[in-house]
Amino acid sequence: MPEGDTIRKTAASLHRALAGRRLIAFTTTGGAFGPARRRPEPGTVVERVEARGKHVLMRFGDGTVLHTHLGMHGSWHLYRPGERWLRGPTRVRAVVEVTDATAVCFAAAVVEVLSDLEVERHPGIAGLGPDLAADGPDLDEAVARARRVPAASPVASVLLDQRVAAGIGNVYKSEVLFARRVDPFASVGSFDDDAIRGLLEAASSMLRANAVRRGPRTTSREGLAVYGRTGRPCPRCRTPVRSIVHGHERRRTYWCPACQSPGTPRTAS
């Protein structure tokens, strides 16, 4: 699933290509309309495209908003007029065409047209925690939200909870826990506020750095320290990296059993 840095790059690319331009055509498939049952008409101006956590919001001058959540397999592509699309038409969920560009959303999990009011009341958007890929996220609020999660919850699962802080996915979850030498399966209640804040700060730093970086995602000198490296040596201590699928979200966590042992201190250090 694309994480907060990828979504922010996607929104920025769409904004550069579409913002301030008038629609030539707008189409969606798969029952994409929200309660407003409106679509932006040709001639409507694309006002802006923004990221909110893992959501992309494309705002139009008539007050409608195209909301997409890419899920595991979705993506936005930009094409010049007449350019061949790289994926087949059966995967298309939305097409936004302006004079000199066509934006195509393929295979997204959520595609819906909403009003501004519906966006603010949307159950998948309104409850999001601070966006860690944005500049100056409210980390105090994110820590407070983490404290409202059941204390027995594994910290790895809490980092994935978009209601605590938006933008962290499976890659950053594993990479941040490794960088901070934290046992992924320790209960969040065993951490003090400074330790939780340290994890969120590290995640925000990684997300924001990669949101403006060209090329592959990088979190360490090795590129990625532990994610996707099951059985390979830990870059710190050479112990083989382990991974396991766990939690109600059934996501895979990668960690070093030596550097991130249960006895690791759970403070801000």
C-alpha atoms as a PDB file:
ATOM      1  CA  MET A   1       0.000   0.000   0.000  1.00  0.00           C
ATOM      2  CA  PRO A   2       1.386   3.464  -0.844  1.00  0.00           C
ATOM      3  CA  GLU A   3       2.417   5.294   2.313  1.00  0.00           C
ATOM      4  CA  GLY A   4       2.251   8.961   3.235  1.00  0.00           C
ATOM      5  CA  ASP A   5       5.383  10.006   1.340  1.00  0.00           C
ATOM      6  CA  THR A   6       4.202   8.371  -1.894  1.00  0.00           C
ATOM      7  CA  ILE A   7       0.732   9.907  -1.574  1.00  0.00           C
ATOM      8  CA  ARG A   8       2.244  13.349  -1.001  1.00  0.00           C
ATOM      9  CA  LYS A   9       4.388  12.976  -4.140  1.00  0.00           C
ATOM     10  CA  THR A  10       1.341  11.809  -6.083  1.00  0.00           C
ATOM     11  CA  ALA A  11      -0.761  14.764  -4.948  1.00  0.00           C
ATOM     12  CA  ALA A  12       2.038  17.219  -5.755  1.00  0.00           C
ATOM     13  CA  SER A  13       2.427  15.814  -9.289  1.00  0.00           C
ATOM     14  CA  LEU A  14      -1.312  15.954  -9.901  1.00  0.00           C
ATOM     15  CA  HIS A  15      -1.466  19.502  -8.542  1.00  0.00           C
ATOM     16  CA  ARG A  16       1.314  20.701 -10.862  1.00  0.00           C
ATOM     17  CA  ALA A  17      -0.380  19.136 -13.895  1.00  0.00           C
ATOM     18  CA  LEU A  18      -4.011  20.051 -13.169  1.00  0.00           C
ATOM     19  CA  ALA A  19      -4.403  22.990 -10.774  1.00  0.00           C
ATOM     20  CA  GLY A  20      -5.802  26.152 -12.362  1.00  0.00           C
ATOM     21  CA  ARG A  21      -6.860  24.346 -15.521  1.00  0.00           C
ATOM     22  CA  ARG A  22     -10.404  23.745 -16.762  1.00  0.00           C
ATOM     23  CA  LEU A  23     -11.864  20.292 -17.193  1.00  0.00           C
ATOM     24  CA  ILE A  24     -12.367  18.881 -20.648  1.00  0.00           C
ATOM     25  CA  ALA A  25     -13.765  15.609 -19.348  1.00  0.00           C
ATOM     26  CA  PHE A  26     -14.329  13.842 -16.038  1.00  0.00           C
ATOM     27  CA  THR A  27     -15.351  10.188 -15.720  1.00  0.00           C
ATOM     28  CA  THR A  28     -15.498   7.619 -12.944  1.00  0.00           C
ATOM     29  CA  THR A  29     -16.446   3.961 -12.776  1.00  0.00           C
ATOM     30  CA  GLY A  30     -17.803   1.630 -10.125  1.00  0.00           C
ATOM     31  CA  GLY A  31     -20.418   3.733  -8.357  1.00  0.00           C
ATOM     32  CA  ALA A  32     -18.005   6.439  -7.296  1.00  0.00           C
ATOM     33  CA  PHE A  33     -20.532   9.085  -6.278  1.00  0.00           C
ATOM     34  CA  GLY A  34     -21.123  10.058  -2.698  1.00  0.00           C
ATOM     35  CA  PRO A  35     -24.382  11.389  -1.268  1.00  0.00           C
ATOM     36  CA  ALA A  36     -24.124  14.653  -3.245  1.00  0.00           C
ATOM     37  CA  ARG A  37     -24.552  12.734  -6.514  1.00  0.00           C
ATOM     38  CA  ARG A  38     -22.743  15.477  -8.424  1.00  0.00           C
ATOM     39  CA  ARG A  39     -19.819  15.452 -10.759  1.00  0.00           C
ATOM     40  CA  PRO A  40     -17.722  18.400 -11.911  1.00  0.00           C
ATOM     41  CA  GLU A  41     -18.818  19.480 -15.378  1.00  0.00           C
ATOM     42  CA  PRO A  42     -16.576  20.383 -18.344  1.00  0.00           C
ATOM     43  CA  GLY A  43     -15.256  23.890 -17.886  1.00  0.00           C
ATOM     44  CA  THR A  44     -14.965  23.552 -14.104  1.00  0.00           C
ATOM     45  CA  VAL A  45     -11.584  24.642 -12.740  1.00  0.00           C
ATOM     46  CA  VAL A  46      -9.394  22.173 -10.856  1.00  0.00           C
ATOM     47  CA  GLU A  47      -8.543  24.261  -7.802  1.00  0.00           C
ATOM     48  CA  ARG A  48      -5.968  22.093  -6.073  1.00  0.00           C
ATOM     49  CA  VAL A  49      -4.885  18.550  -5.249  1.00  0.00           C
ATOM     50  CA  GLU A  50      -3.790  17.719  -1.731  1.00  0.00           C
ATOM     51  CA  ALA A  51      -2.755  14.740   0.371  1.00  0.00           C
ATOM     52  CA  ARG A  52      -4.268  13.918   3.716  1.00  0.00           C
ATOM     53  CA  GLY A  53      -2.511  10.894   5.173  1.00  0.00           C
ATOM     54  CA  LYS A  54      -2.999   8.139   2.596  1.00  0.00           C
ATOM     55  CA  HIS A  55      -5.901   9.957   0.890  1.00  0.00           C
ATOM     56  CA  VAL A  56      -5.781  12.171  -2.224  1.00  0.00           C
ATOM     57  CA  LEU A  57      -8.323  15.006  -2.424  1.00  0.00           C
ATOM     58  CA  MET A  58      -8.830  16.748  -5.782  1.00  0.00           C
ATOM     59  CA  ARG A  59     -10.883  19.913  -5.258  1.00  0.00           C
ATOM     60  CA  PHE A  60     -12.907  21.602  -7.989  1.00  0.00           C
ATOM     61  CA  GLY A  61     -14.266  25.117  -8.328  1.00  0.00           C
ATOM     62  CA  ASP A  62     -17.878  23.979  -8.031  1.00  0.00           C
ATOM     63  CA  GLY A  63     -17.339  22.623  -4.497  1.00  0.00           C
ATOM     64  CA  THR A  64     -17.008  18.977  -5.458  1.00  0.00           C
ATOM     65  CA  VAL A  65     -14.072  16.852  -4.342  1.00  0.00           C
ATOM     66  CA  LEU A  66     -12.715  13.670  -5.920  1.00  0.00           C
ATOM     67  CA  HIS A  67     -11.552  11.493  -3.030  1.00  0.00           C
ATOM     68  CA  THR A  68      -9.302   8.520  -3.720  1.00  0.00           C
ATOM     69  CA  HIS A  69      -7.620   6.005  -1.455  1.00  0.00           C
ATOM     70  CA  LEU A  70      -5.305   3.790  -3.479  1.00  0.00           C
ATOM     71  CA  GLY A  71      -5.354   0.757  -1.192  1.00  0.00           C
ATOM     72  CA  MET A  72      -2.884  -2.017  -1.987  1.00  0.00           C
ATOM     73  CA  HIS A  73      -2.878  -1.850  -5.784  1.00  0.00           C
ATOM     74  CA  GLY A  74      -4.071   1.586  -6.877  1.00  0.00           C
ATOM     75  CA  SER A  75      -2.086   4.344  -8.574  1.00  0.00           C
ATOM     76  CA  TRP A  76      -2.486   7.681 -10.332  1.00  0.00           C
ATOM     77  CA  HIS A  77      -0.813   8.162 -13.730  1.00  0.00           C
ATOM     78  CA  LEU A  78      -0.300  11.344 -15.744  1.00  0.00           C
ATOM     79  CA  TYR A  79      -0.294  11.269 -19.554  1.00  0.00           C
ATOM     80  CA  ARG A  80       0.121  13.762 -22.349  1.00  0.00           C
ATOM     81  CA  PRO A  81      -2.790  14.039 -24.803  1.00  0.00           C
ATOM     82  CA  GLY A  82      -2.838  10.970 -27.034  1.00  0.00           C
ATOM     83  CA  GLU A  83      -0.182   9.121 -25.044  1.00  0.00           C
ATOM     84  CA  ARG A  84      -0.760   5.401 -24.578  1.00  0.00           C
ATOM     85  CA  TRP A  85      -1.850   4.366 -21.090  1.00  0.00           C
ATOM     86  CA  LEU A  86       0.357   1.840 -19.318  1.00  0.00           C
ATOM     87  CA  ARG A  87      -2.524  -0.134 -17.798  1.00  0.00           C
ATOM     88  CA  GLY A  88      -5.677  -1.547 -19.357  1.00  0.00           C
ATOM     89  CA  PRO A  89      -9.091   0.124 -19.388  1.00  0.00           C
ATOM     90  CA  THR A  90     -10.627  -2.484 -17.086  1.00  0.00           C
ATOM     91  CA  ARG A  91      -8.487  -1.115 -14.240  1.00  0.00           C
ATOM     92  CA  VAL A  92      -9.560   2.505 -14.706  1.00  0.00           C
ATOM     93  CA  ARG A  93     -11.451   4.088 -11.784  1.00  0.00           C
ATOM     94  CA  ALA A  94     -11.313   7.785 -12.702  1.00  0.00           C
ATOM     95  CA  VAL A  95     -10.144  10.013 -15.557  1.00  0.00           C
ATOM     96  CA  VAL A  96      -9.567  13.774 -15.221  1.00  0.00           C
ATOM     97  CA  GLU A  97      -8.725  15.469 -18.512  1.00  0.00           C
ATOM     98  CA  VAL A  98      -7.544  19.051 -18.993  1.00  0.00           C
ATOM     99  CA  THR A  99      -6.071  20.761 -22.043  1.00  0.00           C
ATOM    100  CA  ASP A 100      -2.532  19.425 -21.858  1.00  0.00           C
ATOM    101  CA  ALA A 101      -2.744  16.483 -19.440  1.00  0.00           C
ATOM    102  CA  THR A 102      -4.845  13.465 -18.562  1.00  0.00           C
ATOM    103  CA  ALA A 103      -4.792  12.032 -15.035  1.00  0.00           C
ATOM    104  CA  VAL A 104      -5.919   8.407 -14.750  1.00  0.00           C
ATOM    105  CA  CYS A 105      -6.575   6.571 -11.496  1.00  0.00           C
ATOM    106  CA  PHE A 106      -6.129   2.814 -11.768  1.00  0.00           C
ATOM    107  CA  ALA A 107      -7.370   0.113  -9.373  1.00  0.00           C
ATOM    108  CA  ALA A 108      -7.939   2.370  -6.365  1.00  0.00           C
ATOM    109  CA  ALA A 109      -9.753   0.902  -3.382  1.00  0.00           C
ATOM    110  CA  VAL A 110     -11.880   4.040  -2.884  1.00  0.00           C
ATOM    111  CA  VAL A 111     -13.021   6.521  -5.540  1.00  0.00           C
ATOM    112  CA  GLU A 112     -15.883   8.873  -4.719  1.00  0.00           C
ATOM    113  CA  VAL A 113     -17.126  12.342  -5.522  1.00  0.00           C
ATOM    114  CA  LEU A 114     -18.049  14.325  -2.400  1.00  0.00           C
ATOM    115  CA  SER A 115     -18.958  17.825  -1.363  1.00  0.00           C
ATOM    116  CA  ASP A 116     -16.654  19.852   0.886  1.00  0.00           C
ATOM    117  CA  LEU A 117     -18.980  19.186   3.814  1.00  0.00           C
ATOM    118  CA  GLU A 118     -19.040  15.452   3.129  1.00  0.00           C
ATOM    119  CA  VAL A 119     -15.226  15.382   3.133  1.00  0.00           C
ATOM    120  CA  GLU A 120     -15.120  16.897   6.612  1.00  0.00           C
ATOM    121  CA  ARG A 121     -17.689  14.364   7.860  1.00  0.00           C
ATOM    122  CA  HIS A 122     -16.214  11.368   6.017  1.00  0.00           C
ATOM    123  CA  PRO A 123     -15.528   8.466   8.422  1.00  0.00           C
ATOM    124  CA  GLY A 124     -12.245   7.623   6.707  1.00  0.00           C
ATOM    125  CA  ILE A 125     -10.964  11.208   6.699  1.00  0.00           C
ATOM    126  CA  ALA A 126     -12.470  13.135   9.601  1.00  0.00           C
ATOM    127  CA  GLY A 127     -10.950  10.814  12.221  1.00  0.00           C
ATOM    128  CA  LEU A 128      -7.412  10.877  10.858  1.00  0.00           C
ATOM    129  CA  GLY A 129      -4.610  11.771  13.216  1.00  0.00           C
ATOM    130  CA  PRO A 130      -1.971  14.395  12.381  1.00  0.00           C
ATOM    131  CA  ASP A 131      -0.386  13.840   8.974  1.00  0.00           C
ATOM    132  CA  LEU A 132       3.240  12.915   9.662  1.00  0.00           C
ATOM    133  CA  ALA A 133       4.271  13.559   6.049  1.00  0.00           C
ATOM    134  CA  ALA A 134       3.166  17.189   6.325  1.00  0.00           C
ATOM    135  CA  ASP A 135       5.300  20.015   7.649  1.00  0.00           C
ATOM    136  CA  GLY A 136       4.894  20.662  11.379  1.00  0.00           C
ATOM    137  CA  PRO A 137       2.547  17.843  12.381  1.00  0.00           C
ATOM    138  CA  ASP A 138       0.959  18.173  15.826  1.00  0.00           C
ATOM    139  CA  LEU A 139       2.923  15.488  17.660  1.00  0.00           C
ATOM    140  CA  ASP A 140       1.371  16.354  21.014  1.00  0.00           C
ATOM    141  CA  GLU A 141      -2.024  15.494  19.551  1.00  0.00           C
ATOM    142  CA  ALA A 142      -0.663  12.250  18.092  1.00  0.00           C
ATOM    143  CA  VAL A 143       0.806  11.232  21.462  1.00  0.00           C
ATOM    144  CA  ALA A 144      -2.531  12.007  23.131  1.00  0.00           C
ATOM    145  CA  ARG A 145      -4.322   9.852  20.564  1.00  0.00           C
ATOM    146  CA  ALA A 146      -1.856   6.998  21.150  1.00  0.00           C
ATOM    147  CA  ARG A 147      -2.737   7.173  24.838  1.00  0.00           C
ATOM    148  CA  ARG A 148      -6.391   6.528  23.950  1.00  0.00           C
ATOM    149  CA  VAL A 149      -5.532   3.212  22.280  1.00  0.00           C
ATOM    150  CA  PRO A 150      -5.871   0.143  24.569  1.00  0.00           C
ATOM    151  CA  ALA A 151      -2.652  -0.055  26.593  1.00  0.00           C
ATOM    152  CA  ALA A 152      -2.087  -3.722  25.694  1.00  0.00           C
ATOM    153  CA  SER A 153      -1.913  -2.962  21.937  1.00  0.00           C
ATOM    154  CA  PRO A 154       1.456  -3.785  20.319  1.00  0.00           C
ATOM    155  CA  VAL A 155       3.311  -0.619  19.427  1.00  0.00           C
ATOM    156  CA  ALA A 156       3.708  -1.899  15.839  1.00  0.00           C
ATOM    157  CA  SER A 157      -0.073  -1.937  15.467  1.00  0.00           C
ATOM    158  CA  VAL A 158      -0.464   1.497  17.047  1.00  0.00           C
ATOM    159  CA  LEU A 159       1.921   3.015  14.494  1.00  0.00           C
ATOM    160  CA  LEU A 160      -0.317   1.699  11.704  1.00  0.00           C
ATOM    161  CA  ASP A 161      -3.444   3.206  13.263  1.00  0.00           C
ATOM    162  CA  GLN A 162      -4.282   6.176  11.046  1.00  0.00           C
ATOM    163  CA  ARG A 163      -6.493   7.597  13.811  1.00  0.00           C
ATOM    164  CA  VAL A 164      -3.349   8.081  15.899  1.00  0.00           C
ATOM    165  CA  ALA A 165      -1.154   9.560  13.171  1.00  0.00           C
ATOM    166  CA  ALA A 166      -1.695   9.451   9.424  1.00  0.00           C
ATOM    167  CA  GLY A 167       0.833   8.349   6.828  1.00  0.00           C
ATOM    168  CA  ILE A 168       2.722   5.434   8.396  1.00  0.00           C
ATOM    169  CA  GLY A 169       2.436   2.132   6.558  1.00  0.00           C
ATOM    170  CA  ASN A 170       4.161  -1.191   6.817  1.00  0.00           C
ATOM    171  CA  VAL A 171       7.546   0.015   5.558  1.00  0.00           C
ATOM    172  CA  TYR A 172       7.889   2.946   7.921  1.00  0.00           C
ATOM    173  CA  LYS A 173       6.448   0.987  10.834  1.00  0.00           C
ATOM    174  CA  SER A 174       9.285  -1.542  10.601  1.00  0.00           C
ATOM    175  CA  GLU A 175      11.985   0.997   9.753  1.00  0.00           C
ATOM    176  CA  VAL A 176      11.113   3.397  12.579  1.00  0.00           C
ATOM    177  CA  LEU A 177      10.981   0.661  15.205  1.00  0.00           C
ATOM    178  CA  PHE A 178      14.379  -0.581  14.050  1.00  0.00           C
ATOM    179  CA  ALA A 179      15.893   2.909  14.029  1.00  0.00           C
ATOM    180  CA  ARG A 180      14.712   3.464  17.613  1.00  0.00           C
ATOM    181  CA  ARG A 181      15.728  -0.071  18.749  1.00  0.00           C
ATOM    182  CA  VAL A 182      12.162  -0.834  19.847  1.00  0.00           C
ATOM    183  CA  ASP A 183      10.575  -4.261  20.303  1.00  0.00           C
ATOM    184  CA  PRO A 184       7.628  -4.225  17.833  1.00  0.00           C
ATOM    185  CA  PHE A 185       5.483  -6.400  20.076  1.00  0.00           C
ATOM    186  CA  ALA A 186       5.857  -4.391  23.287  1.00  0.00           C
ATOM    187  CA  SER A 187       2.581  -2.976  24.581  1.00  0.00           C
ATOM    188  CA  VAL A 188       2.094   0.718  23.927  1.00  0.00           C
ATOM    189  CA  GLY A 189       1.210   1.145  27.598  1.00  0.00           C
ATOM    190  CA  SER A 190       4.798   0.259  28.538  1.00  0.00           C
ATOM    191  CA  PHE A 191       6.124   3.402  26.797  1.00  0.00           C
ATOM    192  CA  ASP A 192       6.330   6.843  28.308  1.00  0.00           C
ATOM    193  CA  ASP A 193       5.145   9.889  26.382  1.00  0.00           C
ATOM    194  CA  ASP A 194       8.671  10.861  25.338  1.00  0.00           C
ATOM    195  CA  ALA A 195       9.264   7.420  23.829  1.00  0.00           C
ATOM    196  CA  ILE A 196       6.032   7.570  21.824  1.00  0.00           C
ATOM    197  CA  ARG A 197       6.879  11.065  20.664  1.00  0.00           C
ATOM    198  CA  GLY A 198      10.345   9.874  19.624  1.00  0.00           C
ATOM    199  CA  LEU A 199       8.830   7.192  17.407  1.00  0.00           C
ATOM    200  CA  LEU A 200       6.445   9.682  15.807  1.00  0.00           C
ATOM    201  CA  GLU A 201       9.231  12.224  15.285  1.00  0.00           C
ATOM    202  CA  ALA A 202      11.387   9.589  13.587  1.00  0.00           C
ATOM    203  CA  ALA A 203       8.495   8.527  11.376  1.00  0.00           C
ATOM    204  CA  SER A 204       7.729  12.122  10.422  1.00  0.00           C
ATOM    205  CA  SER A 205      11.375  12.809   9.596  1.00  0.00           C
ATOM    206  CA  MET A 206      11.587   9.734   7.346  1.00  0.00           C
ATOM    207  CA  LEU A 207       8.278  10.449   5.621  1.00  0.00           C
ATOM    208  CA  ARG A 208       9.038  14.126   4.977  1.00  0.00           C
ATOM    209  CA  ALA A 209      12.545  13.379   3.673  1.00  0.00           C
ATOM    210  CA  ASN A 210      11.269  10.790   1.224  1.00  0.00           C
ATOM    211  CA  ALA A 211       8.329  12.953   0.136  1.00  0.00           C
ATOM    212  CA  VAL A 212      10.814  15.327  -1.541  1.00  0.00           C
ATOM    213  CA  ARG A 213      13.492  12.798  -2.494  1.00  0.00           C
ATOM    214  CA  ARG A 214      13.813  11.462  -6.021  1.00  0.00           C
ATOM    215  CA  GLY A 215      14.480   7.783  -6.533  1.00  0.00           C
ATOM    216  CA  PRO A 216      13.979   4.805  -4.216  1.00  0.00           C
ATOM    217  CA  ARG A 217      12.742   5.247  -0.666  1.00  0.00           C
ATOM    218  CA  THR A 218      15.645   5.505   1.796  1.00  0.00           C
ATOM    219  CA  THR A 219      15.617   5.285   5.579  1.00  0.00           C
ATOM    220  CA  SER A 220      19.259   4.325   6.248  1.00  0.00           C
ATOM    221  CA  ARG A 221      22.636   4.005   4.559  1.00  0.00           C
ATOM    222  CA  GLU A 222      21.500   0.573   3.363  1.00  0.00           C
ATOM    223  CA  GLY A 223      18.396   2.006   1.722  1.00  0.00           C
ATOM    224  CA  LEU A 224      15.918   0.104   3.878  1.00  0.00           C
ATOM    225  CA  ALA A 225      17.412  -1.339   7.038  1.00  0.00           C
ATOM    226  CA  VAL A 226      15.066  -4.263   7.756  1.00  0.00           C
ATOM    227  CA  TYR A 227      11.932  -4.078   5.596  1.00  0.00           C
ATOM    228  CA  GLY A 228      11.898  -6.903   3.037  1.00  0.00           C
ATOM    229  CA  ARG A 229      15.182  -8.314   4.387  1.00  0.00           C
ATOM    230  CA  THR A 230      14.034 -11.490   6.146  1.00  0.00           C
ATOM    231  CA  GLY A 231      17.037 -13.744   6.847  1.00  0.00           C
ATOM    232  CA  ARG A 232      19.584 -11.134   5.820  1.00  0.00           C
ATOM    233  CA  PRO A 233      22.049  -9.735   8.387  1.00  0.00           C
ATOM    234  CA  CYS A 234      21.013  -6.795  10.524  1.00  0.00           C
ATOM    235  CA  PRO A 235      23.036  -3.743   9.427  1.00  0.00           C
ATOM    236  CA  ARG A 236      23.956  -3.055  13.079  1.00  0.00           C
ATOM    237  CA  CYS A 237      24.736  -6.424  14.639  1.00  0.00           C
ATOM    238  CA  ARG A 238      24.586  -8.972  11.747  1.00  0.00           C
ATOM    239  CA  THR A 239      21.863 -11.052  13.428  1.00  0.00           C
ATOM    240  CA  PRO A 240      19.448 -12.389  10.778  1.00  0.00           C
ATOM    241  CA  VAL A 241      16.383 -10.177  10.361  1.00  0.00           C
ATOM    242  CA  ARG A 242      13.073 -11.840  11.189  1.00  0.00           C
ATOM    243  CA  SER A 243       9.537 -11.153  10.016  1.00  0.00           C
ATOM    244  CA  ILE A 244       6.047 -12.259  10.954  1.00  0.00           C
ATOM    245  CA  VAL A 245       2.458 -11.486   9.975  1.00  0.00           C
ATOM    246  CA  HIS A 246       0.498 -10.454  13.063  1.00  0.00           C
ATOM    247  CA  GLY A 247      -2.201  -8.234  14.530  1.00  0.00           C
ATOM    248  CA  HIS A 248      -5.794  -7.649  13.463  1.00  0.00           C
ATOM    249  CA  GLU A 249      -4.525  -5.817  10.371  1.00  0.00           C
ATOM    250  CA  ARG A 250      -2.528  -8.950   9.360  1.00  0.00           C
ATOM    251  CA  ARG A 251       0.508  -6.985   8.237  1.00  0.00           C
ATOM    252  CA  ARG A 252       4.109  -8.210   8.194  1.00  0.00           C
ATOM    253  CA  THR A 253       6.622  -6.718  10.611  1.00  0.00           C
ATOM    254  CA  TYR A 254      10.395  -6.948  10.093  1.00  0.00           C
ATOM    255  CA  TRP A 255      12.769  -6.620  13.026  1.00  0.00           C
ATOM    256  CA  CYS A 256      16.145  -7.617  14.454  1.00  0.00           C
ATOM    257  CA  PRO A 257      15.624  -9.978  17.409  1.00  0.00           C
ATOM    258  CA  ALA A 258      18.910  -8.827  18.974  1.00  0.00           C
ATOM    259  CA  CYS A 259      18.771  -5.033  18.514  1.00  0.00           C
ATOM    260  CA  GLN A 260      15.044  -4.934  19.235  1.00  0.00           C
ATOM    261  CA  SER A 261      14.836  -7.450  22.042  1.00  0.00           C
ATOM    262  CA  PRO A 262      12.058  -7.233  24.662  1.00  0.00           C
ATOM    263  CA  GLY A 263      14.569  -5.771  27.118  1.00  0.00           C
ATOM    264  CA  THR A 264      15.183  -2.674  24.986  1.00  0.00           C
ATOM    265  CA  PRO A 265      14.656   0.522  27.045  1.00  0.00           C
ATOM    266  CA  ARG A 266      11.357   2.212  26.224  1.00  0.00           C
ATOM    267  CA  THR A 267      12.370   5.817  26.724  1.00  0.00           C
ATOM    268  CA  ALA A 268      13.257   8.663  24.409  1.00  0.00           C
ATOM    269  CA  SER A 269      16.943   7.707  24.215  1.00  0.00           C
END
